[in-house]
PDB file of all heavy atoms in Angstrom:
ATOM      1  N   PRO A   1       7.016  25.161  39.235  1.00  0.00           N
ATOM      2  CA  PRO A   1       6.901  23.829  38.629  1.00  0.00           C
ATOM      3  C   PRO A   1       6.605  23.876  37.125  1.00  0.00           C
ATOM      4  O   PRO A   1       6.673  22.839  36.456  1.00  0.00           O
ATOM      5  CB  PRO A   1       5.722  23.205  39.378  1.00  0.00           C
ATOM      6  CG  PRO A   1       4.878  24.382  39.773  1.00  0.00           C
ATOM      7  CD  PRO A   1       5.825  25.500  40.049  1.00  0.00           C
ATOM      8  N   ALA A   2       6.276  25.050  36.602  1.00  0.00           N
ATOM      9  CA  ALA A   2       5.882  25.153  35.190  1.00  0.00           C
ATOM     10  C   ALA A   2       7.099  25.410  34.317  1.00  0.00           C
ATOM     11  O   ALA A   2       7.921  26.286  34.614  1.00  0.00           O
ATOM     12  CB  ALA A   2       4.871  26.278  35.010  1.00  0.00           C
ATOM     13  N   ARG A   3       7.226  24.665  33.235  1.00  0.00           N
ATOM     14  CA  ARG A   3       8.317  24.852  32.280  1.00  0.00           C
ATOM     15  C   ARG A   3       7.786  25.664  31.111  1.00  0.00           C
ATOM     16  O   ARG A   3       6.992  25.180  30.293  1.00  0.00           O
ATOM     17  CB  ARG A   3       8.859  23.508  31.813  1.00  0.00           C
ATOM     18  CG  ARG A   3       9.953  23.629  30.773  1.00  0.00           C
ATOM     19  CD  ARG A   3      10.737  22.333  30.591  1.00  0.00           C
ATOM     20  NE  ARG A   3      11.644  22.105  31.700  1.00  0.00           N
ATOM     21  CZ  ARG A   3      12.724  21.305  31.625  1.00  0.00           C
ATOM     22  NH1 ARG A   3      13.020  20.704  30.498  1.00  0.00           N
ATOM     23  NH2 ARG A   3      13.482  21.131  32.682  1.00  0.00           N
ATOM     24  N   ALA A   4       8.222  26.944  31.024  1.00  0.00           N
ATOM     25  CA  ALA A   4       7.754  27.838  29.958  1.00  0.00           C
ATOM     26  C   ALA A   4       8.468  27.569  28.648  1.00  0.00           C
ATOM     27  O   ALA A   4       7.876  27.707  27.572  1.00  0.00           O
ATOM     28  CB  ALA A   4       7.956  29.293  30.379  1.00  0.00           C
ATOM     29  N   LEU A   5       9.750  27.219  28.707  1.00  0.00           N
ATOM     30  CA  LEU A   5      10.527  26.895  27.513  1.00  0.00           C
ATOM     31  C   LEU A   5      11.228  25.564  27.738  1.00  0.00           C
ATOM     32  O   LEU A   5      11.844  25.345  28.789  1.00  0.00           O
ATOM     33  CB  LEU A   5      11.553  27.992  27.209  1.00  0.00           C
ATOM     34  CG  LEU A   5      10.983  29.351  26.783  1.00  0.00           C
ATOM     35  CD1 LEU A   5      12.094  30.383  26.669  1.00  0.00           C
ATOM     36  CD2 LEU A   5      10.233  29.242  25.457  1.00  0.00           C
ATOM     37  N   ASP A   6      11.140  24.696  26.745  1.00  0.00           N
ATOM     38  CA  ASP A   6      11.680  23.347  26.857  1.00  0.00           C
ATOM     39  C   ASP A   6      12.628  23.089  25.687  1.00  0.00           C
ATOM     40  O   ASP A   6      12.221  22.589  24.648  1.00  0.00           O
ATOM     41  CB  ASP A   6      10.530  22.334  26.878  1.00  0.00           C
ATOM     42  CG  ASP A   6      10.986  20.910  27.136  1.00  0.00           C
ATOM     43  OD1 ASP A   6      12.182  20.717  27.443  1.00  0.00           O
ATOM     44  OD2 ASP A   6      10.149  20.011  27.033  1.00  0.00           O
ATOM     45  N   ARG A   7      13.896  23.515  25.860  1.00  0.00           N
ATOM     46  CA  ARG A   7      14.913  23.394  24.814  1.00  0.00           C
ATOM     47  C   ARG A   7      14.448  24.074  23.528  1.00  0.00           C
ATOM     48  O   ARG A   7      14.554  23.531  22.414  1.00  0.00           O
ATOM     49  CB  ARG A   7      15.278  21.927  24.560  1.00  0.00           C
ATOM     50  CG  ARG A   7      15.870  21.226  25.783  1.00  0.00           C
ATOM     51  CD  ARG A   7      16.427  19.849  25.458  1.00  0.00           C
ATOM     52  NE  ARG A   7      17.467  19.922  24.446  1.00  0.00           N
ATOM     53  CZ  ARG A   7      18.734  20.281  24.669  1.00  0.00           C
ATOM     54  NH1 ARG A   7      19.110  20.646  25.906  1.00  0.00           N
ATOM     55  NH2 ARG A   7      19.616  20.303  23.705  1.00  0.00           N
ATOM     56  N   ALA A   8      13.937  25.282  23.671  1.00  0.00           N
ATOM     57  CA  ALA A   8      13.465  26.063  22.522  1.00  0.00           C
ATOM     58  C   ALA A   8      14.642  26.514  21.666  1.00  0.00           C
ATOM     59  O   ALA A   8      15.763  26.694  22.159  1.00  0.00           O
ATOM     60  CB  ALA A   8      12.673  27.271  22.998  1.00  0.00           C
ATOM     61  N   ALA A   9      14.394  26.703  20.385  1.00  0.00           N
ATOM     62  CA  ALA A   9      15.440  27.103  19.447  1.00  0.00           C
ATOM     63  C   ALA A   9      14.880  28.108  18.455  1.00  0.00           C
ATOM     64  O   ALA A   9      13.693  28.083  18.111  1.00  0.00           O
ATOM     65  CB  ALA A   9      15.992  25.889  18.713  1.00  0.00           C
ATOM     66  N   LEU A  10      15.761  29.004  17.994  1.00  0.00           N
ATOM     67  CA  LEU A  10      15.367  30.025  17.020  1.00  0.00           C
ATOM     68  C   LEU A  10      16.630  30.585  16.388  1.00  0.00           C
ATOM     69  O   LEU A  10      17.658  30.735  17.058  1.00  0.00           O
ATOM     70  CB  LEU A  10      14.603  31.158  17.715  1.00  0.00           C
ATOM     71  CG  LEU A  10      14.195  32.356  16.858  1.00  0.00           C
ATOM     72  CD1 LEU A  10      13.045  31.965  15.931  1.00  0.00           C
ATOM     73  CD2 LEU A  10      13.778  33.536  17.731  1.00  0.00           C
ATOM     74  N   SER A  11      16.561  30.896  15.110  1.00  0.00           N
ATOM     75  CA  SER A  11      17.655  31.614  14.449  1.00  0.00           C
ATOM     76  C   SER A  11      17.081  32.826  13.730  1.00  0.00           C
ATOM     77  O   SER A  11      15.928  32.796  13.282  1.00  0.00           O
ATOM     78  CB  SER A  11      18.402  30.706  13.469  1.00  0.00           C
ATOM     79  OG  SER A  11      17.564  30.343  12.384  1.00  0.00           O
ATOM     80  N   LEU A  12      17.875  33.869  13.630  1.00  0.00           N
ATOM     81  CA  LEU A  12      17.424  35.122  13.004  1.00  0.00           C
ATOM     82  C   LEU A  12      18.579  35.703  12.210  1.00  0.00           C
ATOM     83  O   LEU A  12      19.676  35.880  12.738  1.00  0.00           O
ATOM     84  CB  LEU A  12      16.965  36.113  14.077  1.00  0.00           C
ATOM     85  CG  LEU A  12      16.380  37.439  13.604  1.00  0.00           C
ATOM     86  CD1 LEU A  12      15.094  37.203  12.814  1.00  0.00           C
ATOM     87  CD2 LEU A  12      16.096  38.359  14.791  1.00  0.00           C
ATOM     88  N   ARG A  13      18.323  35.997  10.938  1.00  0.00           N
ATOM     89  CA  ARG A  13      19.349  36.508  10.045  1.00  0.00           C
ATOM     90  C   ARG A  13      19.040  37.925   9.601  1.00  0.00           C
ATOM     91  O   ARG A  13      17.868  38.285   9.423  1.00  0.00           O
ATOM     92  CB  ARG A  13      19.455  35.616   8.804  1.00  0.00           C
ATOM     93  CG  ARG A  13      19.678  34.138   9.080  1.00  0.00           C
ATOM     94  CD  ARG A  13      19.412  33.342   7.830  1.00  0.00           C
ATOM     95  NE  ARG A  13      19.465  31.897   8.077  1.00  0.00           N
ATOM     96  CZ  ARG A  13      18.902  30.979   7.297  1.00  0.00           C
ATOM     97  NH1 ARG A  13      18.203  31.374   6.227  1.00  0.00           N
ATOM     98  NH2 ARG A  13      18.995  29.708   7.589  1.00  0.00           N
ATOM     99  N   GLY A  14      20.075  38.687   9.379  1.00  0.00           N
ATOM    100  CA  GLY A  14      19.900  40.023   8.833  1.00  0.00           C
ATOM    101  C   GLY A  14      19.270  39.966   7.454  1.00  0.00           C
ATOM    102  O   GLY A  14      19.536  39.046   6.675  1.00  0.00           O
ATOM    103  N   GLY A  15      18.393  40.931   7.160  1.00  0.00           N
ATOM    104  CA  GLY A  15      17.760  40.985   5.843  1.00  0.00           C
ATOM    105  C   GLY A  15      16.593  40.045   5.666  1.00  0.00           C
ATOM    106  O   GLY A  15      16.189  39.771   4.530  1.00  0.00           O
ATOM    107  N   GLU A  16      16.009  39.545   6.768  1.00  0.00           N
ATOM    108  CA  GLU A  16      14.856  38.664   6.656  1.00  0.00           C
ATOM    109  C   GLU A  16      13.772  39.064   7.649  1.00  0.00           C
ATOM    110  O   GLU A  16      14.029  39.708   8.665  1.00  0.00           O
ATOM    111  CB  GLU A  16      15.244  37.198   6.904  1.00  0.00           C
ATOM    112  CG  GLU A  16      15.455  36.843   8.362  1.00  0.00           C
ATOM    113  CD  GLU A  16      15.491  35.336   8.640  1.00  0.00           C
ATOM    114  OE1 GLU A  16      15.214  34.537   7.724  1.00  0.00           O
ATOM    115  OE2 GLU A  16      15.802  34.971   9.785  1.00  0.00           O
ATOM    116  N   VAL A  17      12.546  38.655   7.321  1.00  0.00           N
ATOM    117  CA  VAL A  17      11.437  38.714   8.266  1.00  0.00           C
ATOM    118  C   VAL A  17      11.178  37.280   8.717  1.00  0.00           C
ATOM    119  O   VAL A  17      10.879  36.413   7.885  1.00  0.00           O
ATOM    120  CB  VAL A  17      10.170  39.314   7.631  1.00  0.00           C
ATOM    121  CG1 VAL A  17       9.011  39.285   8.630  1.00  0.00           C
ATOM    122  CG2 VAL A  17      10.427  40.736   7.161  1.00  0.00           C
ATOM    123  N   HIS A  18      11.314  37.056  10.002  1.00  0.00           N
ATOM    124  CA  HIS A  18      11.158  35.706  10.556  1.00  0.00           C
ATOM    125  C   HIS A  18       9.961  35.739  11.502  1.00  0.00           C
ATOM    126  O   HIS A  18       9.973  36.437  12.509  1.00  0.00           O
ATOM    127  CB  HIS A  18      12.416  35.293  11.317  1.00  0.00           C
ATOM    128  CG  HIS A  18      12.466  33.834  11.657  1.00  0.00           C
ATOM    129  ND1 HIS A  18      13.592  33.066  11.467  1.00  0.00           N
ATOM    130  CD2 HIS A  18      11.521  32.986  12.163  1.00  0.00           C
ATOM    131  CE1 HIS A  18      13.349  31.820  11.848  1.00  0.00           C
ATOM    132  NE2 HIS A  18      12.095  31.756  12.282  1.00  0.00           N
ATOM    133  N   ALA A  19       8.923  34.985  11.179  1.00  0.00           N
ATOM    134  CA  ALA A  19       7.714  34.951  12.005  1.00  0.00           C
ATOM    135  C   ALA A  19       7.872  33.905  13.107  1.00  0.00           C
ATOM    136  O   ALA A  19       8.328  32.787  12.853  1.00  0.00           O
ATOM    137  CB  ALA A  19       6.492  34.630  11.154  1.00  0.00           C
ATOM    138  N   LEU A  20       7.491  34.295  14.319  1.00  0.00           N
ATOM    139  CA  LEU A  20       7.469  33.379  15.461  1.00  0.00           C
ATOM    140  C   LEU A  20       6.014  33.149  15.832  1.00  0.00           C
ATOM    141  O   LEU A  20       5.293  34.089  16.181  1.00  0.00           O
ATOM    142  CB  LEU A  20       8.235  33.969  16.639  1.00  0.00           C
ATOM    143  CG  LEU A  20       8.272  33.131  17.921  1.00  0.00           C
ATOM    144  CD1 LEU A  20       8.940  31.784  17.675  1.00  0.00           C
ATOM    145  CD2 LEU A  20       8.973  33.896  19.038  1.00  0.00           C
ATOM    146  N   MET A  21       5.571  31.894  15.747  1.00  0.00           N
ATOM    147  CA  MET A  21       4.163  31.577  15.955  1.00  0.00           C
ATOM    148  C   MET A  21       3.997  30.493  17.008  1.00  0.00           C
ATOM    149  O   MET A  21       4.915  29.721  17.293  1.00  0.00           O
ATOM    150  CB  MET A  21       3.508  31.150  14.651  1.00  0.00           C
ATOM    151  CG  MET A  21       3.588  32.189  13.544  1.00  0.00           C
ATOM    152  SD  MET A  21       2.494  31.794  12.162  1.00  0.00           S
ATOM    153  CE  MET A  21       0.896  32.191  12.864  1.00  0.00           C
ATOM    154  N   GLY A  22       2.814  30.427  17.555  1.00  0.00           N
ATOM    155  CA  GLY A  22       2.470  29.431  18.558  1.00  0.00           C
ATOM    156  C   GLY A  22       1.226  29.875  19.290  1.00  0.00           C
ATOM    157  O   GLY A  22       0.872  31.061  19.280  1.00  0.00           O
ATOM    158  N   GLU A  23       0.546  28.928  19.922  1.00  0.00           N
ATOM    159  CA  GLU A  23      -0.631  29.276  20.694  1.00  0.00           C
ATOM    160  C   GLU A  23      -0.237  30.129  21.891  1.00  0.00           C
ATOM    161  O   GLU A  23       0.936  30.182  22.290  1.00  0.00           O
ATOM    162  CB  GLU A  23      -1.336  28.013  21.184  1.00  0.00           C
ATOM    163  CG  GLU A  23      -1.936  27.157  20.084  1.00  0.00           C
ATOM    164  CD  GLU A  23      -2.794  26.039  20.646  1.00  0.00           C
ATOM    165  OE1 GLU A  23      -2.261  24.950  20.898  1.00  0.00           O
ATOM    166  OE2 GLU A  23      -4.008  26.269  20.818  1.00  0.00           O
ATOM    167  N   ASN A  24      -1.227  30.819  22.480  1.00  0.00           N
ATOM    168  CA  ASN A  24      -0.957  31.527  23.721  1.00  0.00           C
ATOM    169  C   ASN A  24      -0.454  30.527  24.752  1.00  0.00           C
ATOM    170  O   ASN A  24      -1.044  29.458  24.941  1.00  0.00           O
ATOM    171  CB  ASN A  24      -2.222  32.212  24.239  1.00  0.00           C
ATOM    172  CG  ASN A  24      -2.621  33.393  23.366  1.00  0.00           C
ATOM    173  OD1 ASN A  24      -3.635  33.342  22.692  1.00  0.00           O
ATOM    174  ND2 ASN A  24      -1.828  34.447  23.355  1.00  0.00           N
ATOM    175  N   GLY A  25       0.645  30.877  25.422  1.00  0.00           N
ATOM    176  CA  GLY A  25       1.246  29.971  26.384  1.00  0.00           C
ATOM    177  C   GLY A  25       2.282  29.048  25.773  1.00  0.00           C
ATOM    178  O   GLY A  25       2.846  28.194  26.469  1.00  0.00           O
TER     179      GLY A  25
END
């Protein structure tokens, strides 16, 4: 019954550092 991801989105490009942040869970 738990939804871990709800239409999540992310992009990642070569030559960059991309930080992914969020609370635990």
